[in-house]
Amino acid sequence: MQVESVYAQTTLCRNCGEHFSVGQTSSSGKPTGTADPSRGFGSMMWATLGRWLPKVRIGERNIRCYQCGHGQRVSTSAKSTMCAKCNSYIEMQDYRITGAFSRLLRTQGRVVVTAKGDLASTKVYCSSALIEGSVRGQLCCSGTLDIRRKGKINGAIEADHVVIGRKADVDFARPLHVGQLEIAGRLRGDILAAGGVKISSKGNLTGTVVARSFSVDKGGEFHGQLTIGMPDMSAAELFGGDPGSKEHSQLDLELPLHPASETGA
């Protein structure tokens, strides 16, 4: 048993480190909310209470501490938590940016930049994001980044998975660092992909691409230079015109690339 603020909705068990929802108390003095930790009870007290409290299945998701990199599972309803390894505070709040925004932001939640939003922060870390407006700072996304903007992105983008929407028509002023890239709209810029790049049937990509695999669906187009593999070179060297490693296949492609073609590492 532990004492929490009357305003708390979720908390962390001080015994086992698990998240659970804080139950409310009825006029009879019995809890009416949920007090079921997401993965079992951490003590005999919680095990006893669990026999008669109404149980609710609480969804979970994976997060990672920005300080030490430790990964852990938390409730999807949690707004914040503490790292189980280094005790650092981890925010999980979602943000919707509708105007100018310039402060440092680190959250395991979702960041949405609307059409009128202007993300000018030096650094923004998030779990997932949707970009319809302007990005001028550095955006690092550990999950999926959905881009639907029409115009130029001057900021630096890093994400595990980037999706260029069908209505997007975007120019990247800086190299785009991704794990996986899917292009359904139009993209102009330099791409450094640790995984694969896929251009769908109506997708169009112009620029220099370095990736482990590359595919184009029928109807898709690619204009530029393609390097398959991950040369041991910096982004500045790769996109500055310096030759890549001889161990990697480098192609100067005519316009457009033949549809339904695929090249793998």
C-alpha atoms as a PDB file:
ATOM      1  CA  MET A   1       0.000   0.000   0.000  1.00  0.00           C
ATOM      2  CA  GLN A   2       1.260   3.505  -0.796  1.00  0.00           C
ATOM      3  CA  VAL A   3      -0.080   7.047  -0.534  1.00  0.00           C
ATOM      4  CA  GLU A   4      -0.627   9.120  -3.701  1.00  0.00           C
ATOM      5  CA  SER A   5      -2.052  12.552  -4.487  1.00  0.00           C
ATOM      6  CA  VAL A   6      -5.844  12.743  -4.795  1.00  0.00           C
ATOM      7  CA  TYR A   7      -5.275  14.196  -8.279  1.00  0.00           C
ATOM      8  CA  ALA A   8      -3.152  11.246  -9.493  1.00  0.00           C
ATOM      9  CA  GLN A   9      -4.598   9.093 -12.267  1.00  0.00           C
ATOM     10  CA  THR A  10      -1.692   6.685 -12.727  1.00  0.00           C
ATOM     11  CA  THR A  11       1.386   5.983 -10.655  1.00  0.00           C
ATOM     12  CA  LEU A  12       4.401   3.716 -10.242  1.00  0.00           C
ATOM     13  CA  CYS A  13       4.455   0.946  -7.643  1.00  0.00           C
ATOM     14  CA  ARG A  14       7.339   1.621  -5.266  1.00  0.00           C
ATOM     15  CA  ASN A  15       7.709  -2.091  -4.646  1.00  0.00           C
ATOM     16  CA  CYS A  16       7.767  -3.678  -8.110  1.00  0.00           C
ATOM     17  CA  GLY A  17       8.116  -0.643 -10.390  1.00  0.00           C
ATOM     18  CA  GLU A  18       4.948  -1.371 -12.394  1.00  0.00           C
ATOM     19  CA  HIS A  19       2.352   1.165 -13.543  1.00  0.00           C
ATOM     20  CA  PHE A  20      -1.251   1.006 -12.353  1.00  0.00           C
ATOM     21  CA  SER A  21      -4.307   3.235 -12.307  1.00  0.00           C
ATOM     22  CA  VAL A  22      -5.138   4.898  -9.005  1.00  0.00           C
ATOM     23  CA  GLY A  23      -8.577   3.809  -7.796  1.00  0.00           C
ATOM     24  CA  GLN A  24     -11.119   6.287  -6.503  1.00  0.00           C
ATOM     25  CA  THR A  25     -12.933   5.795  -3.224  1.00  0.00           C
ATOM     26  CA  SER A  26     -16.713   5.577  -2.881  1.00  0.00           C
ATOM     27  CA  SER A  27     -18.765   6.790   0.076  1.00  0.00           C
ATOM     28  CA  SER A  28     -18.498   3.318   1.601  1.00  0.00           C
ATOM     29  CA  GLY A  29     -14.728   3.616   1.644  1.00  0.00           C
ATOM     30  CA  LYS A  30     -14.130   0.872  -0.936  1.00  0.00           C
ATOM     31  CA  PRO A  31     -12.076   1.564  -4.049  1.00  0.00           C
ATOM     32  CA  THR A  32     -14.162   1.781  -7.209  1.00  0.00           C
ATOM     33  CA  GLY A  33     -11.425   2.472  -9.743  1.00  0.00           C
ATOM     34  CA  THR A  34      -8.768   0.131 -11.075  1.00  0.00           C
ATOM     35  CA  ALA A  35      -5.713  -0.872  -9.116  1.00  0.00           C
ATOM     36  CA  ASP A  36      -4.433  -3.640 -11.315  1.00  0.00           C
ATOM     37  CA  PRO A  37      -0.754  -3.273 -12.246  1.00  0.00           C
ATOM     38  CA  SER A  38      -0.077  -4.017 -15.884  1.00  0.00           C
ATOM     39  CA  ARG A  39       1.915  -7.162 -15.225  1.00  0.00           C
ATOM     40  CA  GLY A  40       0.842  -8.735 -11.976  1.00  0.00           C
ATOM     41  CA  PHE A  41       1.028  -7.504  -8.391  1.00  0.00           C
ATOM     42  CA  GLY A  42       4.244  -6.596  -6.663  1.00  0.00           C
ATOM     43  CA  SER A  43       3.294  -7.633  -3.153  1.00  0.00           C
ATOM     44  CA  MET A  44       0.955  -9.826  -1.119  1.00  0.00           C
ATOM     45  CA  MET A  45      -1.112  -6.720  -0.359  1.00  0.00           C
ATOM     46  CA  TRP A  46      -1.825  -6.071  -4.020  1.00  0.00           C
ATOM     47  CA  ALA A  47      -2.483  -9.780  -4.598  1.00  0.00           C
ATOM     48  CA  THR A  48      -5.111  -9.747  -1.858  1.00  0.00           C
ATOM     49  CA  LEU A  49      -6.776  -6.573  -3.116  1.00  0.00           C
ATOM     50  CA  GLY A  50      -6.782  -7.950  -6.643  1.00  0.00           C
ATOM     51  CA  ARG A  51      -9.225 -10.675  -5.670  1.00  0.00           C
ATOM     52  CA  TRP A  52     -12.107  -8.238  -5.182  1.00  0.00           C
ATOM     53  CA  LEU A  53     -11.177  -5.075  -7.074  1.00  0.00           C
ATOM     54  CA  PRO A  54     -12.683  -4.786 -10.588  1.00  0.00           C
ATOM     55  CA  LYS A  55      -9.917  -5.698 -13.006  1.00  0.00           C
ATOM     56  CA  VAL A  56      -9.306  -3.702 -16.183  1.00  0.00           C
ATOM     57  CA  ARG A  57      -6.831  -4.757 -18.837  1.00  0.00           C
ATOM     58  CA  ILE A  58      -4.380  -1.881 -19.170  1.00  0.00           C
ATOM     59  CA  GLY A  59      -2.585  -1.547 -22.520  1.00  0.00           C
ATOM     60  CA  GLU A  60       1.185  -1.331 -22.565  1.00  0.00           C
ATOM     61  CA  ARG A  61       3.823   0.141 -24.821  1.00  0.00           C
ATOM     62  CA  ASN A  62       7.596   0.222 -24.936  1.00  0.00           C
ATOM     63  CA  ILE A  63       9.543   3.360 -24.119  1.00  0.00           C
ATOM     64  CA  ARG A  64      13.234   4.137 -23.736  1.00  0.00           C
ATOM     65  CA  CYS A  65      14.966   6.464 -21.283  1.00  0.00           C
ATOM     66  CA  TYR A  66      16.691   9.425 -22.956  1.00  0.00           C
ATOM     67  CA  GLN A  67      19.355   9.538 -20.238  1.00  0.00           C
ATOM     68  CA  CYS A  68      20.574   5.928 -20.001  1.00  0.00           C
ATOM     69  CA  GLY A  69      18.796   4.221 -22.902  1.00  0.00           C
ATOM     70  CA  HIS A  70      17.049   1.679 -20.677  1.00  0.00           C
ATOM     71  CA  GLY A  71      13.893   0.209 -22.211  1.00  0.00           C
ATOM     72  CA  GLN A  72      10.759  -0.590 -20.229  1.00  0.00           C
ATOM     73  CA  ARG A  73       7.024  -1.211 -20.666  1.00  0.00           C
ATOM     74  CA  VAL A  74       4.477   1.252 -19.337  1.00  0.00           C
ATOM     75  CA  SER A  75       0.728   1.735 -19.394  1.00  0.00           C
ATOM     76  CA  THR A  76      -0.631   3.507 -22.472  1.00  0.00           C
ATOM     77  CA  SER A  77      -2.640   5.779 -20.158  1.00  0.00           C
ATOM     78  CA  ALA A  78       0.438   7.026 -18.284  1.00  0.00           C
ATOM     79  CA  LYS A  79       1.430  10.685 -18.846  1.00  0.00           C
ATOM     80  CA  SER A  80       4.875  10.337 -17.254  1.00  0.00           C
ATOM     81  CA  THR A  81       7.038   7.824 -15.455  1.00  0.00           C
ATOM     82  CA  MET A  82      10.449   7.277 -13.886  1.00  0.00           C
ATOM     83  CA  CYS A  83      13.221   5.242 -15.474  1.00  0.00           C
ATOM     84  CA  ALA A  84      13.472   1.938 -13.615  1.00  0.00           C
ATOM     85  CA  LYS A  85      17.263   1.994 -14.009  1.00  0.00           C
ATOM     86  CA  CYS A  86      18.479   5.579 -13.459  1.00  0.00           C
ATOM     87  CA  ASN A  87      15.309   7.148 -11.933  1.00  0.00           C
ATOM     88  CA  SER A  88      15.238   9.910 -14.563  1.00  0.00           C
ATOM     89  CA  TYR A  89      11.899  11.551 -15.291  1.00  0.00           C
ATOM     90  CA  ILE A  90      10.316  10.470 -18.602  1.00  0.00           C
ATOM     91  CA  GLU A  91       7.505  12.540 -20.066  1.00  0.00           C
ATOM     92  CA  MET A  92       4.879  10.816 -22.222  1.00  0.00           C
ATOM     93  CA  GLN A  93       2.594  13.763 -22.956  1.00  0.00           C
ATOM     94  CA  ASP A  94       1.325  14.374 -26.511  1.00  0.00           C
ATOM     95  CA  TYR A  95       1.881  17.822 -28.068  1.00  0.00           C
ATOM     96  CA  ARG A  96      -0.109  19.613 -30.780  1.00  0.00           C
ATOM     97  CA  ILE A  97       1.785  22.592 -32.204  1.00  0.00           C
ATOM     98  CA  THR A  98      -0.453  25.166 -33.849  1.00  0.00           C
ATOM     99  CA  GLY A  99       1.872  28.205 -33.788  1.00  0.00           C
ATOM    100  CA  ALA A 100       5.478  29.110 -33.064  1.00  0.00           C
ATOM    101  CA  PHE A 101       7.229  26.615 -30.765  1.00  0.00           C
ATOM    102  CA  SER A 102      10.908  26.937 -29.890  1.00  0.00           C
ATOM    103  CA  ARG A 103      11.615  25.286 -26.535  1.00  0.00           C
ATOM    104  CA  LEU A 104      13.493  22.031 -25.982  1.00  0.00           C
ATOM    105  CA  LEU A 105      11.099  19.082 -25.914  1.00  0.00           C
ATOM    106  CA  ARG A 106      11.661  15.476 -24.907  1.00  0.00           C
ATOM    107  CA  THR A 107       8.623  13.238 -24.724  1.00  0.00           C
ATOM    108  CA  GLN A 108       7.720   9.637 -25.395  1.00  0.00           C
ATOM    109  CA  GLY A 109       4.372  10.911 -26.679  1.00  0.00           C
ATOM    110  CA  ARG A 110       3.216  12.058 -30.117  1.00  0.00           C
ATOM    111  CA  VAL A 111       4.053  15.459 -31.614  1.00  0.00           C
ATOM    112  CA  VAL A 112       1.713  16.962 -34.212  1.00  0.00           C
ATOM    113  CA  VAL A 113       2.785  20.063 -36.151  1.00  0.00           C
ATOM    114  CA  THR A 114      -0.333  21.468 -37.841  1.00  0.00           C
ATOM    115  CA  ALA A 115      -0.357  23.398 -41.122  1.00  0.00           C
ATOM    116  CA  LYS A 116       0.062  26.674 -39.197  1.00  0.00           C
ATOM    117  CA  GLY A 117       2.575  25.240 -36.746  1.00  0.00           C
ATOM    118  CA  ASP A 118       6.233  26.298 -36.729  1.00  0.00           C
ATOM    119  CA  LEU A 119       8.603  23.927 -34.917  1.00  0.00           C
ATOM    120  CA  ALA A 120      11.801  25.925 -34.389  1.00  0.00           C
ATOM    121  CA  SER A 121      13.172  24.069 -31.345  1.00  0.00           C
ATOM    122  CA  THR A 122      16.876  23.292 -31.259  1.00  0.00           C
ATOM    123  CA  LYS A 123      16.030  19.672 -30.448  1.00  0.00           C
ATOM    124  CA  VAL A 124      12.766  17.744 -30.192  1.00  0.00           C
ATOM    125  CA  TYR A 125      12.643  14.091 -29.192  1.00  0.00           C
ATOM    126  CA  CYS A 126       9.385  12.145 -29.523  1.00  0.00           C
ATOM    127  CA  SER A 127       7.926   8.684 -30.002  1.00  0.00           C
ATOM    128  CA  SER A 128       5.912   9.497 -33.142  1.00  0.00           C
ATOM    129  CA  ALA A 129       5.053  12.617 -35.124  1.00  0.00           C
ATOM    130  CA  LEU A 130       2.856  14.106 -37.844  1.00  0.00           C
ATOM    131  CA  ILE A 131       4.252  17.028 -39.846  1.00  0.00           C
ATOM    132  CA  GLU A 132       1.980  19.319 -41.837  1.00  0.00           C
ATOM    133  CA  GLY A 133       3.656  22.624 -40.958  1.00  0.00           C
ATOM    134  CA  SER A 134       7.158  24.067 -40.749  1.00  0.00           C
ATOM    135  CA  VAL A 135      10.163  22.354 -39.116  1.00  0.00           C
ATOM    136  CA  ARG A 136      13.321  24.441 -38.685  1.00  0.00           C
ATOM    137  CA  GLY A 137      15.064  22.702 -35.778  1.00  0.00           C
ATOM    138  CA  GLN A 138      16.162  19.137 -35.135  1.00  0.00           C
ATOM    139  CA  LEU A 139      13.468  16.454 -34.835  1.00  0.00           C
ATOM    140  CA  CYS A 140      14.345  12.957 -33.610  1.00  0.00           C
ATOM    141  CA  CYS A 141      11.556  10.376 -33.684  1.00  0.00           C
ATOM    142  CA  SER A 142      11.999   6.867 -32.265  1.00  0.00           C
ATOM    143  CA  GLY A 143       8.901   5.573 -34.072  1.00  0.00           C
ATOM    144  CA  THR A 144       6.907   6.592 -37.157  1.00  0.00           C
ATOM    145  CA  LEU A 145       7.122  10.098 -38.635  1.00  0.00           C
ATOM    146  CA  ASP A 146       4.269  10.917 -41.017  1.00  0.00           C
ATOM    147  CA  ILE A 147       4.991  13.861 -43.337  1.00  0.00           C
ATOM    148  CA  ARG A 148       2.102  15.503 -45.210  1.00  0.00           C
ATOM    149  CA  ARG A 149       3.628  18.924 -45.816  1.00  0.00           C
ATOM    150  CA  LYS A 150       3.834  20.796 -49.107  1.00  0.00           C
ATOM    151  CA  GLY A 151       6.953  22.930 -49.094  1.00  0.00           C
ATOM    152  CA  LYS A 152      10.498  22.967 -47.775  1.00  0.00           C
ATOM    153  CA  ILE A 153      11.756  21.456 -44.516  1.00  0.00           C
ATOM    154  CA  ASN A 154      14.872  23.262 -43.330  1.00  0.00           C
ATOM    155  CA  GLY A 155      15.301  21.262 -40.131  1.00  0.00           C
ATOM    156  CA  ALA A 156      17.270  18.088 -39.510  1.00  0.00           C
ATOM    157  CA  ILE A 157      15.105  14.956 -39.395  1.00  0.00           C
ATOM    158  CA  GLU A 158      15.990  11.589 -37.862  1.00  0.00           C
ATOM    159  CA  ALA A 159      13.393   8.826 -37.480  1.00  0.00           C
ATOM    160  CA  ASP A 160      13.091   5.072 -37.348  1.00  0.00           C
ATOM    161  CA  HIS A 161      10.283   5.041 -39.916  1.00  0.00           C
ATOM    162  CA  VAL A 162       9.265   7.886 -42.236  1.00  0.00           C
ATOM    163  CA  VAL A 163       6.145   7.933 -44.385  1.00  0.00           C
ATOM    164  CA  ILE A 164       5.747  10.580 -47.108  1.00  0.00           C
ATOM    165  CA  GLY A 165       1.987  10.922 -47.619  1.00  0.00           C
ATOM    166  CA  ARG A 166       0.284  10.879 -51.007  1.00  0.00           C
ATOM    167  CA  LYS A 167      -0.499  14.595 -50.924  1.00  0.00           C
ATOM    168  CA  ALA A 168       2.963  15.566 -49.660  1.00  0.00           C
ATOM    169  CA  ASP A 169       5.339  17.543 -51.890  1.00  0.00           C
ATOM    170  CA  VAL A 170       8.401  18.231 -49.792  1.00  0.00           C
ATOM    171  CA  ASP A 171      11.982  19.441 -50.199  1.00  0.00           C
ATOM    172  CA  PHE A 172      14.563  18.525 -47.548  1.00  0.00           C
ATOM    173  CA  ALA A 173      17.327  21.089 -47.097  1.00  0.00           C
ATOM    174  CA  ARG A 174      19.373  18.608 -45.029  1.00  0.00           C
ATOM    175  CA  PRO A 175      19.978  14.857 -45.440  1.00  0.00           C
ATOM    176  CA  LEU A 176      17.133  12.732 -44.096  1.00  0.00           C
ATOM    177  CA  HIS A 177      18.332  10.013 -41.679  1.00  0.00           C
ATOM    178  CA  VAL A 178      15.894   7.105 -41.433  1.00  0.00           C
ATOM    179  CA  GLY A 179      15.581   3.432 -40.635  1.00  0.00           C
ATOM    180  CA  GLN A 180      12.833   2.752 -43.199  1.00  0.00           C
ATOM    181  CA  LEU A 181      11.350   5.180 -45.746  1.00  0.00           C
ATOM    182  CA  GLU A 182       8.049   4.875 -47.627  1.00  0.00           C
ATOM    183  CA  ILE A 183       7.240   7.416 -50.330  1.00  0.00           C
ATOM    184  CA  ALA A 184       3.698   7.825 -51.619  1.00  0.00           C
ATOM    185  CA  GLY A 185       4.015  11.516 -52.560  1.00  0.00           C
ATOM    186  CA  ARG A 186       6.835  13.678 -53.907  1.00  0.00           C
ATOM    187  CA  LEU A 187      10.184  14.051 -52.148  1.00  0.00           C
ATOM    188  CA  ARG A 188      13.331  15.923 -53.131  1.00  0.00           C
ATOM    189  CA  GLY A 189      16.435  15.542 -51.008  1.00  0.00           C
ATOM    190  CA  ASP A 190      19.272  13.290 -49.874  1.00  0.00           C
ATOM    191  CA  ILE A 191      18.398  10.066 -48.030  1.00  0.00           C
ATOM    192  CA  LEU A 192      20.531   7.989 -45.678  1.00  0.00           C
ATOM    193  CA  ALA A 193      18.559   4.839 -44.781  1.00  0.00           C
ATOM    194  CA  ALA A 194      19.842   2.147 -42.424  1.00  0.00           C
ATOM    195  CA  GLY A 195      17.120  -0.121 -43.812  1.00  0.00           C
ATOM    196  CA  GLY A 196      15.070   0.105 -46.971  1.00  0.00           C
ATOM    197  CA  VAL A 197      13.528   2.771 -49.204  1.00  0.00           C
ATOM    198  CA  LYS A 198      10.245   2.002 -50.978  1.00  0.00           C
ATOM    199  CA  ILE A 199       8.553   4.158 -53.607  1.00  0.00           C
ATOM    200  CA  SER A 200       4.883   3.343 -54.112  1.00  0.00           C
ATOM    201  CA  SER A 201       2.932   3.474 -57.371  1.00  0.00           C
ATOM    202  CA  LYS A 202       2.401   7.255 -57.267  1.00  0.00           C
ATOM    203  CA  GLY A 203       5.563   8.146 -55.393  1.00  0.00           C
ATOM    204  CA  ASN A 204       8.329  10.325 -56.793  1.00  0.00           C
ATOM    205  CA  LEU A 205      11.842  10.710 -55.368  1.00  0.00           C
ATOM    206  CA  THR A 206      14.576  13.010 -56.629  1.00  0.00           C
ATOM    207  CA  GLY A 207      17.985  13.069 -54.945  1.00  0.00           C
ATOM    208  CA  THR A 208      20.876  10.980 -53.690  1.00  0.00           C
ATOM    209  CA  VAL A 209      20.009   7.795 -51.807  1.00  0.00           C
ATOM    210  CA  VAL A 210      22.184   5.559 -49.644  1.00  0.00           C
ATOM    211  CA  ALA A 211      20.261   2.510 -48.392  1.00  0.00           C
ATOM    212  CA  ARG A 212      20.511  -1.201 -47.686  1.00  0.00           C
ATOM    213  CA  SER A 213      17.614  -1.981 -50.016  1.00  0.00           C
ATOM    214  CA  PHE A 214      15.589  -0.071 -52.593  1.00  0.00           C
ATOM    215  CA  SER A 215      12.324  -0.840 -54.399  1.00  0.00           C
ATOM    216  CA  VAL A 216       9.981   0.975 -56.774  1.00  0.00           C
ATOM    217  CA  ASP A 217       6.396  -0.117 -57.419  1.00  0.00           C
ATOM    218  CA  LYS A 218       4.932   0.101 -60.911  1.00  0.00           C
ATOM    219  CA  GLY A 219       4.195   3.747 -61.647  1.00  0.00           C
ATOM    220  CA  GLY A 220       6.704   5.107 -59.130  1.00  0.00           C
ATOM    221  CA  GLU A 221       9.691   7.206 -60.198  1.00  0.00           C
ATOM    222  CA  PHE A 222      13.229   7.793 -58.964  1.00  0.00           C
ATOM    223  CA  HIS A 223      15.583  10.464 -60.339  1.00  0.00           C
ATOM    224  CA  GLY A 224      19.118  10.628 -58.991  1.00  0.00           C
ATOM    225  CA  GLN A 225      21.965   8.574 -57.632  1.00  0.00           C
ATOM    226  CA  LEU A 226      21.624   5.340 -55.653  1.00  0.00           C
ATOM    227  CA  THR A 227      24.167   3.594 -53.439  1.00  0.00           C
ATOM    228  CA  ILE A 228      23.292   0.160 -52.062  1.00  0.00           C
ATOM    229  CA  GLY A 229      25.075  -0.586 -48.778  1.00  0.00           C
ATOM    230  CA  MET A 230      26.306   1.571 -45.925  1.00  0.00           C
ATOM    231  CA  PRO A 231      29.772   2.966 -46.778  1.00  0.00           C
ATOM    232  CA  ASP A 232      31.978   3.943 -43.866  1.00  0.00           C
ATOM    233  CA  MET A 233      31.687   7.637 -44.683  1.00  0.00           C
ATOM    234  CA  SER A 234      30.061  10.673 -43.120  1.00  0.00           C
ATOM    235  CA  ALA A 235      26.875  12.156 -44.541  1.00  0.00           C
ATOM    236  CA  ALA A 236      28.856  15.200 -45.678  1.00  0.00           C
ATOM    237  CA  GLU A 237      31.228  12.967 -47.661  1.00  0.00           C
ATOM    238  CA  LEU A 238      28.412  10.870 -49.113  1.00  0.00           C
ATOM    239  CA  PHE A 239      26.265  13.754 -50.266  1.00  0.00           C
ATOM    240  CA  GLY A 240      29.173  16.018 -51.119  1.00  0.00           C
ATOM    241  CA  GLY A 241      30.042  13.995 -54.194  1.00  0.00           C
ATOM    242  CA  ASP A 242      32.953  11.942 -52.804  1.00  0.00           C
ATOM    243  CA  PRO A 243      33.117   8.399 -54.213  1.00  0.00           C
ATOM    244  CA  GLY A 244      31.838   5.560 -52.067  1.00  0.00           C
ATOM    245  CA  SER A 245      33.485   2.325 -51.133  1.00  0.00           C
ATOM    246  CA  LYS A 246      34.272  -0.017 -54.030  1.00  0.00           C
ATOM    247  CA  GLU A 247      32.595  -2.810 -52.105  1.00  0.00           C
ATOM    248  CA  HIS A 248      29.201  -1.157 -52.604  1.00  0.00           C
ATOM    249  CA  SER A 249      27.146  -0.921 -55.772  1.00  0.00           C
ATOM    250  CA  GLN A 250      26.677   2.667 -56.948  1.00  0.00           C
ATOM    251  CA  LEU A 251      24.303   3.451 -59.807  1.00  0.00           C
ATOM    252  CA  ASP A 252      23.749   6.668 -61.739  1.00  0.00           C
ATOM    253  CA  LEU A 253      20.133   6.221 -62.789  1.00  0.00           C
ATOM    254  CA  GLU A 254      18.320   7.650 -65.792  1.00  0.00           C
ATOM    255  CA  LEU A 255      14.821   9.120 -65.516  1.00  0.00           C
ATOM    256  CA  PRO A 256      12.689   7.349 -64.507  1.00  0.00           C
ATOM    257  CA  LEU A 257      13.869   4.147 -62.822  1.00  0.00           C
ATOM    258  CA  HIS A 258      12.180   1.076 -64.283  1.00  0.00           C
ATOM    259  CA  PRO A 259       9.070   0.274 -62.208  1.00  0.00           C
ATOM    260  CA  ALA A 260       8.726  -2.853 -60.070  1.00  0.00           C
ATOM    261  CA  SER A 261      12.516  -3.085 -59.703  1.00  0.00           C
ATOM    262  CA  GLU A 262      14.187  -3.922 -56.428  1.00  0.00           C
ATOM    263  CA  THR A 263      17.786  -3.932 -55.313  1.00  0.00           C
ATOM    264  CA  GLY A 264      18.891  -5.492 -52.029  1.00  0.00           C
ATOM    265  CA  ALA A 265      22.060  -5.440 -50.009  1.00  0.00           C
END
